[in-house]
Amino acid sequence: MAKQKIESNRAPQPIGPYSQAVQAGNMLFLSGQIGIDPESGKLVQSSIQAETHQVMQNLKAVLAAVGLDFSAVVKTTIFLSDMGYFPEVNAVYAEYFSAPFPARETVQAAALPLKARVEISMIAIR
């Protein structure tokens, strides 16, 4: 099975040797996104809610690059720099999904790239 690199110029470019997403068959694997504003190149830090919204907008842009939206997402992973952010991140995240919700885990990480407070990765299906 061949894999295809997926890119969106409406999401931040990778800061390392990875793709924004890779499609393999009918599966789309989205790399973790942090709250970088693709226009300014800077991390949104005004609030955890604003940072989380930017993360979700970045993921939305990558999904849109292949004609998908959040309804195609079957699995997410949320990484938090502090589990104390869980209620605020969860509330923002819930604005982007409807039932049936994707499977998910949320974990605290010792540190995230660029001192981000939240990072989210996804798996979607066509």
Protein backbone atom coordinates (compact mmCIF):
# COMPACT_ATOMS: atom_id res chain seq x y z
CA MET A 1 0.00 0.00 0.00
CA ALA A 2 1.41 3.38 -1.02
CA LYS A 3 1.39 6.30 1.32
CA GLN A 4 0.83 9.89 0.28
CA LYS A 5 2.04 13.05 1.99
CA ILE A 6 -0.77 15.54 2.71
CA GLU A 7 -0.08 19.25 3.13
CA SER A 8 -2.08 22.42 3.68
CA ASN A 9 -0.66 25.91 3.37
CA ARG A 10 -3.45 26.97 5.77
CA ALA A 11 -1.73 25.08 8.62
CA PRO A 12 1.77 25.60 10.06
CA GLN A 13 4.57 23.89 8.19
CA PRO A 14 6.28 21.05 10.09
CA ILE A 15 9.08 22.12 12.43
CA GLY A 16 10.89 18.81 11.95
CA PRO A 17 11.25 15.84 9.57
CA TYR A 18 7.59 14.83 9.42
CA SER A 19 4.48 15.45 7.31
CA GLN A 20 1.38 17.34 8.38
CA ALA A 21 -0.49 14.16 7.49
CA VAL A 22 -0.04 10.90 5.63
CA GLN A 23 -2.78 9.05 3.80
CA ALA A 24 -2.50 5.27 3.54
CA GLY A 25 -5.45 3.63 1.81
CA ASN A 26 -8.61 5.08 3.34
CA MET A 27 -6.83 6.15 6.55
CA LEU A 28 -5.49 9.64 7.21
CA PHE A 29 -2.97 10.08 10.01
CA LEU A 30 -2.60 13.71 11.14
CA SER A 31 0.55 14.67 12.99
CA GLY A 32 0.17 16.49 16.26
CA GLN A 33 -0.60 20.18 15.86
CA ILE A 34 0.17 22.88 18.35
CA GLY A 35 -1.36 26.35 18.42
CA ILE A 36 0.89 28.04 15.88
CA ASP A 37 -0.88 30.72 13.85
CA PRO A 38 0.13 29.86 10.26
CA GLU A 39 0.05 33.54 9.23
CA SER A 40 2.33 34.89 11.96
CA GLY A 41 4.28 31.71 12.63
CA LYS A 42 3.89 32.38 16.35
CA LEU A 43 2.34 30.27 19.08
CA VAL A 44 -1.03 31.60 20.27
CA GLN A 45 -0.56 32.10 24.01
CA SER A 46 -3.28 34.56 25.06
CA SER A 47 -5.26 31.76 26.78
CA ILE A 48 -5.45 27.99 26.82
CA GLN A 49 -8.83 28.30 25.05
CA ALA A 50 -7.37 30.44 22.23
CA GLU A 51 -4.40 28.08 21.89
CA THR A 52 -6.74 25.08 21.67
CA HIS A 53 -8.94 26.78 19.07
CA GLN A 54 -5.81 27.41 16.96
CA VAL A 55 -4.82 23.75 17.28
CA MET A 56 -8.28 22.71 16.07
CA GLN A 57 -8.19 25.22 13.19
CA ASN A 58 -4.81 23.84 12.11
CA LEU A 59 -6.17 20.29 12.15
CA LYS A 60 -9.29 21.43 10.29
CA ALA A 61 -7.09 22.89 7.53
CA VAL A 62 -5.17 19.63 7.11
CA LEU A 63 -8.41 17.62 6.95
CA ALA A 64 -9.83 20.08 4.40
CA ALA A 65 -6.77 19.55 2.18
CA VAL A 66 -8.26 16.13 1.32
CA GLY A 67 -11.90 17.15 1.46
CA LEU A 68 -12.60 15.88 4.98
CA ASP A 69 -13.91 17.48 8.16
CA PHE A 70 -14.07 16.51 11.82
CA SER A 71 -16.92 14.05 11.15
CA ALA A 72 -14.31 11.75 9.53
CA VAL A 73 -12.13 11.63 12.67
CA VAL A 74 -12.18 8.27 14.46
CA LYS A 75 -9.35 8.74 16.99
CA THR A 76 -7.62 11.64 18.70
CA THR A 77 -4.81 12.02 21.18
CA ILE A 78 -4.53 15.13 23.32
CA PHE A 79 -1.23 16.00 24.98
CA LEU A 80 -1.30 18.60 27.77
CA SER A 81 1.65 20.22 29.51
CA ASP A 82 -0.48 20.27 32.66
CA MET A 83 -3.57 18.14 33.30
CA GLY A 84 -5.04 21.19 35.03
CA TYR A 85 -5.86 22.51 31.53
CA PHE A 86 -8.16 19.52 30.89
CA PRO A 87 -11.53 21.25 31.56
CA GLU A 88 -10.81 24.23 29.30
CA VAL A 89 -9.28 22.13 26.49
CA ASN A 90 -12.11 19.61 26.71
CA ALA A 91 -14.73 22.37 26.41
CA VAL A 92 -13.10 23.83 23.28
CA TYR A 93 -12.55 20.37 21.78
CA ALA A 94 -16.26 19.56 22.28
CA GLU A 95 -17.22 22.52 20.08
CA TYR A 96 -15.72 20.77 17.05
CA PHE A 97 -17.35 17.33 17.33
CA SER A 98 -20.80 15.81 17.53
CA ALA A 99 -21.91 12.26 18.36
CA PRO A 100 -20.67 9.72 17.70
CA PHE A 101 -17.49 11.19 19.15
CA PRO A 102 -14.04 9.87 18.20
CA ALA A 103 -12.17 7.55 20.51
CA ARG A 104 -9.61 9.54 22.53
CA GLU A 105 -7.01 9.63 25.21
CA THR A 106 -5.63 12.65 27.02
CA VAL A 107 -2.20 12.52 28.59
CA GLN A 108 0.09 14.93 30.37
CA ALA A 109 3.50 15.38 28.74
CA ALA A 110 6.56 16.72 30.52
CA ALA A 111 7.05 19.27 27.72
CA LEU A 112 5.62 20.07 24.29
CA PRO A 113 7.31 21.75 21.29
CA LEU A 114 7.85 25.52 21.57
CA LYS A 115 6.49 25.40 25.15
CA ALA A 116 2.96 24.78 23.85
CA ARG A 117 0.36 23.82 26.44
CA VAL A 118 -1.70 21.56 24.15
CA GLU A 119 -1.01 19.32 21.15
CA ILE A 120 -3.57 17.16 19.36
CA SER A 121 -3.13 14.41 16.76
CA MET A 122 -5.88 12.62 14.84
CA ILE A 123 -6.73 9.63 12.71
CA ALA A 124 -9.50 10.01 10.15
CA ILE A 125 -11.08 7.61 7.70
CA ARG A 126 -12.40 8.26 4.21
